[in-house]
Protein backbone atom coordinates (compact mmCIF):
# COMPACT_ATOMS: atom_id res chain seq x y z
CA UNK A 1 0.00 0.00 0.00
CA UNK A 2 2.80 2.44 0.93
CA UNK A 3 4.65 1.81 -2.36
CA UNK A 4 1.47 2.47 -4.31
CA UNK A 5 0.98 5.74 -2.41
CA UNK A 6 4.55 6.76 -3.21
CA UNK A 7 4.09 5.99 -6.89
CA UNK A 8 0.84 7.96 -7.02
CA UNK A 9 2.51 10.90 -5.27
CA UNK A 10 5.40 10.80 -7.72
CA UNK A 11 3.07 10.58 -10.67
CA UNK A 12 1.02 13.51 -9.42
CA UNK A 13 4.23 15.55 -9.14
CA UNK A 14 5.09 14.70 -12.72
CA UNK A 15 1.90 16.05 -14.22
CA UNK A 16 3.17 19.18 -15.88
CA UNK A 17 6.75 19.64 -14.66
CA UNK A 18 7.20 21.72 -11.54
CA UNK A 19 8.52 25.17 -12.55
CA UNK A 20 10.85 25.64 -9.63
CA UNK A 21 14.03 27.68 -9.90
CA UNK A 22 15.16 27.60 -6.31
CA UNK A 23 13.94 26.35 -2.97
CA UNK A 24 15.38 25.80 0.46
CA UNK A 25 17.41 22.62 0.73
CA UNK A 26 19.82 21.76 3.50
CA UNK A 27 23.32 21.30 2.15
CA UNK A 28 24.75 17.82 2.33
CA UNK A 29 28.10 17.07 3.87
CA UNK A 30 31.10 18.14 1.81
CA UNK A 31 32.43 14.60 1.61
CA UNK A 32 35.01 13.40 -0.85
CA UNK A 33 34.81 9.80 -1.95
CA UNK A 34 38.14 9.02 -0.27
CA UNK A 35 36.60 9.96 3.10
CA UNK A 36 33.89 7.29 2.81
CA UNK A 37 34.01 3.80 4.25
CA UNK A 38 35.03 0.93 1.97
CA UNK A 39 31.39 -0.25 2.01
CA UNK A 40 30.13 3.17 0.88
CA UNK A 41 32.73 3.27 -1.92
CA UNK A 42 31.57 -0.19 -3.07
CA UNK A 43 27.96 1.06 -3.05
CA UNK A 44 28.99 4.07 -5.18
CA UNK A 45 30.72 1.74 -7.64
CA UNK A 46 27.52 -0.34 -7.87
CA UNK A 47 25.50 2.86 -8.41
CA UNK A 48 27.79 4.00 -11.22
CA UNK A 49 27.56 0.58 -12.86
CA UNK A 50 23.76 0.55 -12.59
CA UNK A 51 23.31 4.06 -13.98
CA UNK A 52 26.05 4.11 -16.65
CA UNK A 53 23.64 2.93 -19.40
CA UNK A 54 21.51 6.04 -18.79
CA UNK A 55 24.09 8.45 -20.17
CA UNK A 56 22.04 7.88 -23.34
CA UNK A 57 19.23 10.29 -22.47
CA UNK A 58 16.96 9.23 -25.35
CA UNK A 59 17.09 5.57 -24.37
CA UNK A 60 16.64 6.34 -20.68
CA UNK A 61 13.58 8.56 -21.16
CA UNK A 62 11.88 7.10 -24.26
CA UNK A 63 8.08 7.21 -23.80
CA UNK A 64 6.71 3.75 -23.22
CA UNK A 65 10.08 2.01 -23.03
CA UNK A 66 12.51 4.16 -21.05
CA UNK A 67 12.65 3.36 -17.34
CA UNK A 68 13.19 7.05 -16.53
CA UNK A 69 10.38 8.49 -18.66
CA UNK A 70 8.64 10.52 -15.92
CA UNK A 71 9.95 14.12 -15.82
CA UNK A 72 9.47 15.72 -12.40
CA UNK A 73 11.02 19.19 -12.65
CA UNK A 74 12.21 21.88 -14.96
CA UNK A 75 15.91 22.61 -14.73
CA UNK A 76 16.55 23.59 -11.11
CA UNK A 77 19.09 26.22 -10.10
CA UNK A 78 19.93 28.38 -7.09
CA UNK A 79 22.67 30.82 -6.10
CA UNK A 80 24.61 27.81 -4.76
CA UNK A 81 24.61 26.14 -8.19
CA UNK A 82 22.40 23.91 -10.28
CA UNK A 83 20.77 20.53 -10.10
CA UNK A 84 19.27 20.06 -13.54
CA UNK A 85 16.19 18.20 -14.75
CA UNK A 86 14.94 15.33 -12.57
CA UNK A 87 13.54 12.14 -14.18
CA UNK A 88 11.86 9.42 -12.11
CA UNK A 89 11.78 5.66 -12.31
CA UNK A 90 8.50 4.81 -10.55
CA UNK A 91 9.56 1.17 -10.13
CA UNK A 92 12.26 2.38 -7.72
CA UNK A 93 9.92 4.31 -5.42
CA UNK A 94 9.86 2.80 -1.95
CA UNK A 95 13.11 0.90 -2.62
CA UNK A 96 16.11 1.57 -0.37
CA UNK A 97 18.95 0.25 -2.54
CA UNK A 98 22.06 2.26 -3.51
CA UNK A 99 21.94 0.80 -7.04
CA UNK A 100 18.29 1.85 -7.55
CA UNK A 101 17.91 5.63 -7.19
CA UNK A 102 14.47 7.12 -7.65
CA UNK A 103 15.69 10.02 -9.81
CA UNK A 104 18.33 10.68 -12.46
CA UNK A 105 19.45 14.29 -12.87
CA UNK A 106 20.42 15.67 -16.28
CA UNK A 107 22.09 18.95 -17.21
CA UNK A 108 21.08 20.62 -20.49
CA UNK A 109 23.99 21.15 -22.91
CA UNK A 110 24.60 23.95 -25.44
CA UNK A 111 23.95 21.56 -28.36
CA UNK A 112 20.52 20.61 -26.94
CA UNK A 113 21.61 17.26 -25.54
CA UNK A 114 21.25 16.21 -21.91
CA UNK A 115 24.14 14.99 -19.76
CA UNK A 116 23.68 12.69 -16.76
CA UNK A 117 25.28 14.41 -13.75
CA UNK A 118 23.76 12.93 -10.58
CA UNK A 119 21.12 10.78 -8.95
CA UNK A 120 18.74 11.51 -6.13
CA UNK A 121 17.16 9.16 -3.64
CA UNK A 122 13.77 10.33 -2.45
CA UNK A 123 11.19 9.01 -0.06
CA UNK A 124 7.84 10.82 -0.06
CA UNK A 125 6.88 11.98 3.41
CA UNK A 126 3.16 11.92 2.59
CA UNK A 127 1.96 13.22 5.93
CA UNK A 128 -0.65 15.85 6.71
CA UNK A 129 1.89 18.64 7.24
CA UNK A 130 3.72 19.59 4.01
CA UNK A 131 6.41 21.61 5.80
CA UNK A 132 7.03 19.12 8.60
CA UNK A 133 8.50 15.65 8.50
CA UNK A 134 5.62 13.31 9.39
CA UNK A 135 7.54 10.09 8.82
CA UNK A 136 10.87 8.97 10.24
CA UNK A 137 14.03 9.66 8.26
CA UNK A 138 14.94 6.74 5.98
CA UNK A 139 18.01 4.73 7.00
CA UNK A 140 21.31 6.31 5.89
CA UNK A 141 22.75 5.49 2.49
CA UNK A 142 26.50 5.60 1.75
CA UNK A 143 26.77 6.47 5.46
CA UNK A 144 24.91 9.73 4.75
CA UNK A 145 21.70 10.96 6.34
CA UNK A 146 18.70 11.97 4.27
CA UNK A 147 17.30 15.44 4.88
CA UNK A 148 13.74 16.65 4.84
CA UNK A 149 12.61 18.96 2.00
CA UNK A 150 9.33 20.77 2.66
CA UNK A 151 6.65 22.12 0.34
CA UNK A 152 6.09 21.77 -2.52
CA UNK A 153 8.00 18.46 -2.39
CA UNK A 154 7.39 17.06 1.13
CA UNK A 155 10.03 14.35 0.95
CA UNK A 156 13.29 12.98 2.32
CA UNK A 157 16.14 13.40 -0.16
CA UNK A 158 19.79 12.57 -0.75
CA UNK A 159 21.81 13.57 -3.83
CA UNK A 160 24.87 11.73 -5.12
CA UNK A 161 26.97 13.59 -7.72
CA UNK A 162 28.50 10.46 -9.24
CA UNK A 163 28.74 11.76 -12.83
CA UNK A 164 29.85 15.40 -12.27
CA UNK A 165 32.44 16.63 -9.79
CA UNK A 166 30.88 18.80 -7.11
CA UNK A 167 33.23 21.12 -5.19
CA UNK A 168 30.47 21.48 -2.57
CA UNK A 169 30.67 17.77 -1.84
CA UNK A 170 29.62 14.44 -3.27
CA UNK A 171 26.29 14.54 -1.39
CA UNK A 172 25.53 18.29 -1.47
CA UNK A 173 22.21 19.36 -2.96
CA UNK A 174 23.49 22.03 -5.33
CA UNK A 175 26.47 21.81 -7.65
CA UNK A 176 28.22 25.01 -8.80
CA UNK A 177 29.54 23.02 -11.80
CA UNK A 178 25.97 22.45 -13.09
CA UNK A 179 24.05 25.10 -15.00
CA UNK A 180 20.56 25.59 -16.38
CA UNK A 181 21.90 28.11 -18.90
CA UNK A 182 20.77 25.96 -21.82
CA UNK A 183 17.58 24.66 -20.24
CA UNK A 184 14.02 25.36 -21.32
CA UNK A 185 12.01 27.12 -18.65
C-alpha atoms as a PDB file:
ATOM      1  CA  UNK A   1       0.000   0.000   0.000  1.00  0.00           C
ATOM      2  CA  UNK A   2       2.802   2.442   0.935  1.00  0.00           C
ATOM      3  CA  UNK A   3       4.655   1.812  -2.358  1.00  0.00           C
ATOM      4  CA  UNK A   4       1.472   2.474  -4.313  1.00  0.00           C
ATOM      5  CA  UNK A   5       0.982   5.740  -2.411  1.00  0.00           C
ATOM      6  CA  UNK A   6       4.550   6.764  -3.211  1.00  0.00           C
ATOM      7  CA  UNK A   7       4.086   5.987  -6.894  1.00  0.00           C
ATOM      8  CA  UNK A   8       0.845   7.961  -7.017  1.00  0.00           C
ATOM      9  CA  UNK A   9       2.506  10.901  -5.270  1.00  0.00           C
ATOM     10  CA  UNK A  10       5.402  10.796  -7.720  1.00  0.00           C
ATOM     11  CA  UNK A  11       3.071  10.584 -10.671  1.00  0.00           C
ATOM     12  CA  UNK A  12       1.019  13.508  -9.421  1.00  0.00           C
ATOM     13  CA  UNK A  13       4.230  15.549  -9.139  1.00  0.00           C
ATOM     14  CA  UNK A  14       5.086  14.695 -12.719  1.00  0.00           C
ATOM     15  CA  UNK A  15       1.898  16.053 -14.219  1.00  0.00           C
ATOM     16  CA  UNK A  16       3.171  19.183 -15.881  1.00  0.00           C
ATOM     17  CA  UNK A  17       6.755  19.637 -14.657  1.00  0.00           C
ATOM     18  CA  UNK A  18       7.196  21.724 -11.541  1.00  0.00           C
ATOM     19  CA  UNK A  19       8.518  25.167 -12.550  1.00  0.00           C
ATOM     20  CA  UNK A  20      10.851  25.642  -9.634  1.00  0.00           C
ATOM     21  CA  UNK A  21      14.029  27.680  -9.896  1.00  0.00           C
ATOM     22  CA  UNK A  22      15.161  27.604  -6.310  1.00  0.00           C
ATOM     23  CA  UNK A  23      13.936  26.355  -2.970  1.00  0.00           C
ATOM     24  CA  UNK A  24      15.381  25.804   0.465  1.00  0.00           C
ATOM     25  CA  UNK A  25      17.413  22.624   0.727  1.00  0.00           C
ATOM     26  CA  UNK A  26      19.822  21.762   3.496  1.00  0.00           C
ATOM     27  CA  UNK A  27      23.320  21.303   2.153  1.00  0.00           C
ATOM     28  CA  UNK A  28      24.749  17.817   2.327  1.00  0.00           C
ATOM     29  CA  UNK A  29      28.102  17.069   3.865  1.00  0.00           C
ATOM     30  CA  UNK A  30      31.096  18.145   1.812  1.00  0.00           C
ATOM     31  CA  UNK A  31      32.430  14.596   1.611  1.00  0.00           C
ATOM     32  CA  UNK A  32      35.007  13.398  -0.845  1.00  0.00           C
ATOM     33  CA  UNK A  33      34.807   9.803  -1.947  1.00  0.00           C
ATOM     34  CA  UNK A  34      38.144   9.024  -0.271  1.00  0.00           C
ATOM     35  CA  UNK A  35      36.597   9.956   3.099  1.00  0.00           C
ATOM     36  CA  UNK A  36      33.894   7.291   2.807  1.00  0.00           C
ATOM     37  CA  UNK A  37      34.012   3.801   4.247  1.00  0.00           C
ATOM     38  CA  UNK A  38      35.030   0.933   1.968  1.00  0.00           C
ATOM     39  CA  UNK A  39      31.395  -0.255   2.011  1.00  0.00           C
ATOM     40  CA  UNK A  40      30.130   3.166   0.877  1.00  0.00           C
ATOM     41  CA  UNK A  41      32.734   3.267  -1.920  1.00  0.00           C
ATOM     42  CA  UNK A  42      31.571  -0.192  -3.067  1.00  0.00           C
ATOM     43  CA  UNK A  43      27.964   1.064  -3.055  1.00  0.00           C
ATOM     44  CA  UNK A  44      28.993   4.069  -5.176  1.00  0.00           C
ATOM     45  CA  UNK A  45      30.720   1.741  -7.645  1.00  0.00           C
ATOM     46  CA  UNK A  46      27.524  -0.341  -7.874  1.00  0.00           C
ATOM     47  CA  UNK A  47      25.502   2.857  -8.411  1.00  0.00           C
ATOM     48  CA  UNK A  48      27.789   3.998 -11.219  1.00  0.00           C
ATOM     49  CA  UNK A  49      27.564   0.579 -12.862  1.00  0.00           C
ATOM     50  CA  UNK A  50      23.759   0.548 -12.586  1.00  0.00           C
ATOM     51  CA  UNK A  51      23.313   4.063 -13.985  1.00  0.00           C
ATOM     52  CA  UNK A  52      26.053   4.108 -16.655  1.00  0.00           C
ATOM     53  CA  UNK A  53      23.640   2.929 -19.397  1.00  0.00           C
ATOM     54  CA  UNK A  54      21.510   6.041 -18.793  1.00  0.00           C
ATOM     55  CA  UNK A  55      24.095   8.450 -20.174  1.00  0.00           C
ATOM     56  CA  UNK A  56      22.041   7.877 -23.339  1.00  0.00           C
ATOM     57  CA  UNK A  57      19.231  10.290 -22.470  1.00  0.00           C
ATOM     58  CA  UNK A  58      16.962   9.227 -25.353  1.00  0.00           C
ATOM     59  CA  UNK A  59      17.094   5.566 -24.368  1.00  0.00           C
ATOM     60  CA  UNK A  60      16.638   6.340 -20.676  1.00  0.00           C
ATOM     61  CA  UNK A  61      13.581   8.561 -21.159  1.00  0.00           C
ATOM     62  CA  UNK A  62      11.885   7.101 -24.259  1.00  0.00           C
ATOM     63  CA  UNK A  63       8.081   7.212 -23.800  1.00  0.00           C
ATOM     64  CA  UNK A  64       6.713   3.749 -23.220  1.00  0.00           C
ATOM     65  CA  UNK A  65      10.080   2.009 -23.028  1.00  0.00           C
ATOM     66  CA  UNK A  66      12.506   4.159 -21.046  1.00  0.00           C
ATOM     67  CA  UNK A  67      12.649   3.362 -17.336  1.00  0.00           C
ATOM     68  CA  UNK A  68      13.189   7.052 -16.532  1.00  0.00           C
ATOM     69  CA  UNK A  69      10.384   8.492 -18.662  1.00  0.00           C
ATOM     70  CA  UNK A  70       8.642  10.516 -15.916  1.00  0.00           C
ATOM     71  CA  UNK A  71       9.950  14.125 -15.824  1.00  0.00           C
ATOM     72  CA  UNK A  72       9.474  15.715 -12.399  1.00  0.00           C
ATOM     73  CA  UNK A  73      11.023  19.185 -12.646  1.00  0.00           C
ATOM     74  CA  UNK A  74      12.212  21.877 -14.962  1.00  0.00           C
ATOM     75  CA  UNK A  75      15.910  22.615 -14.727  1.00  0.00           C
ATOM     76  CA  UNK A  76      16.549  23.589 -11.107  1.00  0.00           C
ATOM     77  CA  UNK A  77      19.085  26.223 -10.100  1.00  0.00           C
ATOM     78  CA  UNK A  78      19.925  28.379  -7.087  1.00  0.00           C
ATOM     79  CA  UNK A  79      22.669  30.816  -6.104  1.00  0.00           C
ATOM     80  CA  UNK A  80      24.611  27.806  -4.761  1.00  0.00           C
ATOM     81  CA  UNK A  81      24.612  26.137  -8.190  1.00  0.00           C
ATOM     82  CA  UNK A  82      22.395  23.912 -10.275  1.00  0.00           C
ATOM     83  CA  UNK A  83      20.766  20.530 -10.105  1.00  0.00           C
ATOM     84  CA  UNK A  84      19.269  20.058 -13.536  1.00  0.00           C
ATOM     85  CA  UNK A  85      16.193  18.198 -14.748  1.00  0.00           C
ATOM     86  CA  UNK A  86      14.937  15.334 -12.568  1.00  0.00           C
ATOM     87  CA  UNK A  87      13.543  12.144 -14.180  1.00  0.00           C
ATOM     88  CA  UNK A  88      11.862   9.423 -12.115  1.00  0.00           C
ATOM     89  CA  UNK A  89      11.775   5.657 -12.307  1.00  0.00           C
ATOM     90  CA  UNK A  90       8.504   4.809 -10.554  1.00  0.00           C
ATOM     91  CA  UNK A  91       9.557   1.168 -10.129  1.00  0.00           C
ATOM     92  CA  UNK A  92      12.260   2.384  -7.716  1.00  0.00           C
ATOM     93  CA  UNK A  93       9.918   4.311  -5.419  1.00  0.00           C
ATOM     94  CA  UNK A  94       9.859   2.800  -1.954  1.00  0.00           C
ATOM     95  CA  UNK A  95      13.107   0.898  -2.619  1.00  0.00           C
ATOM     96  CA  UNK A  96      16.108   1.567  -0.366  1.00  0.00           C
ATOM     97  CA  UNK A  97      18.950   0.252  -2.536  1.00  0.00           C
ATOM     98  CA  UNK A  98      22.063   2.260  -3.505  1.00  0.00           C
ATOM     99  CA  UNK A  99      21.939   0.796  -7.042  1.00  0.00           C
ATOM    100  CA  UNK A 100      18.290   1.846  -7.553  1.00  0.00           C
ATOM    101  CA  UNK A 101      17.908   5.626  -7.189  1.00  0.00           C
ATOM    102  CA  UNK A 102      14.465   7.120  -7.649  1.00  0.00           C
ATOM    103  CA  UNK A 103      15.693  10.024  -9.810  1.00  0.00           C
ATOM    104  CA  UNK A 104      18.326  10.680 -12.456  1.00  0.00           C
ATOM    105  CA  UNK A 105      19.453  14.289 -12.869  1.00  0.00           C
ATOM    106  CA  UNK A 106      20.419  15.668 -16.284  1.00  0.00           C
ATOM    107  CA  UNK A 107      22.089  18.952 -17.205  1.00  0.00           C
ATOM    108  CA  UNK A 108      21.080  20.620 -20.490  1.00  0.00           C
ATOM    109  CA  UNK A 109      23.988  21.155 -22.907  1.00  0.00           C
ATOM    110  CA  UNK A 110      24.597  23.949 -25.437  1.00  0.00           C
ATOM    111  CA  UNK A 111      23.946  21.556 -28.365  1.00  0.00           C
ATOM    112  CA  UNK A 112      20.522  20.612 -26.940  1.00  0.00           C
ATOM    113  CA  UNK A 113      21.614  17.260 -25.542  1.00  0.00           C
ATOM    114  CA  UNK A 114      21.254  16.210 -21.908  1.00  0.00           C
ATOM    115  CA  UNK A 115      24.138  14.987 -19.760  1.00  0.00           C
ATOM    116  CA  UNK A 116      23.685  12.687 -16.760  1.00  0.00           C
ATOM    117  CA  UNK A 117      25.276  14.405 -13.750  1.00  0.00           C
ATOM    118  CA  UNK A 118      23.757  12.929 -10.577  1.00  0.00           C
ATOM    119  CA  UNK A 119      21.125  10.782  -8.946  1.00  0.00           C
ATOM    120  CA  UNK A 120      18.739  11.507  -6.128  1.00  0.00           C
ATOM    121  CA  UNK A 121      17.159   9.163  -3.645  1.00  0.00           C
ATOM    122  CA  UNK A 122      13.771  10.328  -2.448  1.00  0.00           C
ATOM    123  CA  UNK A 123      11.189   9.010  -0.062  1.00  0.00           C
ATOM    124  CA  UNK A 124       7.845  10.818  -0.063  1.00  0.00           C
ATOM    125  CA  UNK A 125       6.876  11.978   3.412  1.00  0.00           C
ATOM    126  CA  UNK A 126       3.165  11.924   2.594  1.00  0.00           C
ATOM    127  CA  UNK A 127       1.956  13.218   5.935  1.00  0.00           C
ATOM    128  CA  UNK A 128      -0.651  15.851   6.711  1.00  0.00           C
ATOM    129  CA  UNK A 129       1.890  18.643   7.242  1.00  0.00           C
ATOM    130  CA  UNK A 130       3.719  19.587   4.011  1.00  0.00           C
ATOM    131  CA  UNK A 131       6.408  21.607   5.801  1.00  0.00           C
ATOM    132  CA  UNK A 132       7.034  19.117   8.603  1.00  0.00           C
ATOM    133  CA  UNK A 133       8.500  15.647   8.503  1.00  0.00           C
ATOM    134  CA  UNK A 134       5.624  13.315   9.390  1.00  0.00           C
ATOM    135  CA  UNK A 135       7.540  10.092   8.825  1.00  0.00           C
ATOM    136  CA  UNK A 136      10.872   8.968  10.243  1.00  0.00           C
ATOM    137  CA  UNK A 137      14.028   9.664   8.265  1.00  0.00           C
ATOM    138  CA  UNK A 138      14.936   6.743   5.977  1.00  0.00           C
ATOM    139  CA  UNK A 139      18.012   4.728   6.996  1.00  0.00           C
ATOM    140  CA  UNK A 140      21.311   6.310   5.890  1.00  0.00           C
ATOM    141  CA  UNK A 141      22.753   5.493   2.486  1.00  0.00           C
ATOM    142  CA  UNK A 142      26.501   5.602   1.747  1.00  0.00           C
ATOM    143  CA  UNK A 143      26.775   6.468   5.460  1.00  0.00           C
ATOM    144  CA  UNK A 144      24.908   9.735   4.748  1.00  0.00           C
ATOM    145  CA  UNK A 145      21.702  10.957   6.340  1.00  0.00           C
ATOM    146  CA  UNK A 146      18.699  11.971   4.269  1.00  0.00           C
ATOM    147  CA  UNK A 147      17.302  15.436   4.878  1.00  0.00           C
ATOM    148  CA  UNK A 148      13.743  16.649   4.835  1.00  0.00           C
ATOM    149  CA  UNK A 149      12.612  18.959   2.004  1.00  0.00           C
ATOM    150  CA  UNK A 150       9.330  20.768   2.660  1.00  0.00           C
ATOM    151  CA  UNK A 151       6.646  22.118   0.339  1.00  0.00           C
ATOM    152  CA  UNK A 152       6.095  21.767  -2.521  1.00  0.00           C
ATOM    153  CA  UNK A 153       7.998  18.456  -2.387  1.00  0.00           C
ATOM    154  CA  UNK A 154       7.386  17.061   1.131  1.00  0.00           C
ATOM    155  CA  UNK A 155      10.031  14.349   0.947  1.00  0.00           C
ATOM    156  CA  UNK A 156      13.285  12.982   2.324  1.00  0.00           C
ATOM    157  CA  UNK A 157      16.138  13.398  -0.160  1.00  0.00           C
ATOM    158  CA  UNK A 158      19.788  12.572  -0.751  1.00  0.00           C
ATOM    159  CA  UNK A 159      21.813  13.575  -3.834  1.00  0.00           C
ATOM    160  CA  UNK A 160      24.872  11.733  -5.115  1.00  0.00           C
ATOM    161  CA  UNK A 161      26.970  13.585  -7.724  1.00  0.00           C
ATOM    162  CA  UNK A 162      28.496  10.463  -9.236  1.00  0.00           C
ATOM    163  CA  UNK A 163      28.744  11.757 -12.826  1.00  0.00           C
ATOM    164  CA  UNK A 164      29.846  15.398 -12.274  1.00  0.00           C
ATOM    165  CA  UNK A 165      32.435  16.627  -9.791  1.00  0.00           C
ATOM    166  CA  UNK A 166      30.882  18.805  -7.115  1.00  0.00           C
ATOM    167  CA  UNK A 167      33.234  21.124  -5.188  1.00  0.00           C
ATOM    168  CA  UNK A 168      30.468  21.482  -2.572  1.00  0.00           C
ATOM    169  CA  UNK A 169      30.672  17.766  -1.842  1.00  0.00           C
ATOM    170  CA  UNK A 170      29.615  14.436  -3.268  1.00  0.00           C
ATOM    171  CA  UNK A 171      26.288  14.539  -1.394  1.00  0.00           C
ATOM    172  CA  UNK A 172      25.532  18.287  -1.473  1.00  0.00           C
ATOM    173  CA  UNK A 173      22.212  19.359  -2.957  1.00  0.00           C
ATOM    174  CA  UNK A 174      23.487  22.029  -5.333  1.00  0.00           C
ATOM    175  CA  UNK A 175      26.471  21.811  -7.652  1.00  0.00           C
ATOM    176  CA  UNK A 176      28.224  25.008  -8.802  1.00  0.00           C
ATOM    177  CA  UNK A 177      29.540  23.019 -11.801  1.00  0.00           C
ATOM    178  CA  UNK A 178      25.975  22.445 -13.093  1.00  0.00           C
ATOM    179  CA  UNK A 179      24.046  25.100 -15.003  1.00  0.00           C
ATOM    180  CA  UNK A 180      20.565  25.586 -16.384  1.00  0.00           C
ATOM    181  CA  UNK A 181      21.900  28.111 -18.898  1.00  0.00           C
ATOM    182  CA  UNK A 182      20.770  25.961 -21.822  1.00  0.00           C
ATOM    183  CA  UNK A 183      17.578  24.664 -20.242  1.00  0.00           C
ATOM    184  CA  UNK A 184      14.023  25.363 -21.318  1.00  0.00           C
ATOM    185  CA  UNK A 185      12.010  27.116 -18.650  1.00  0.00           C
END
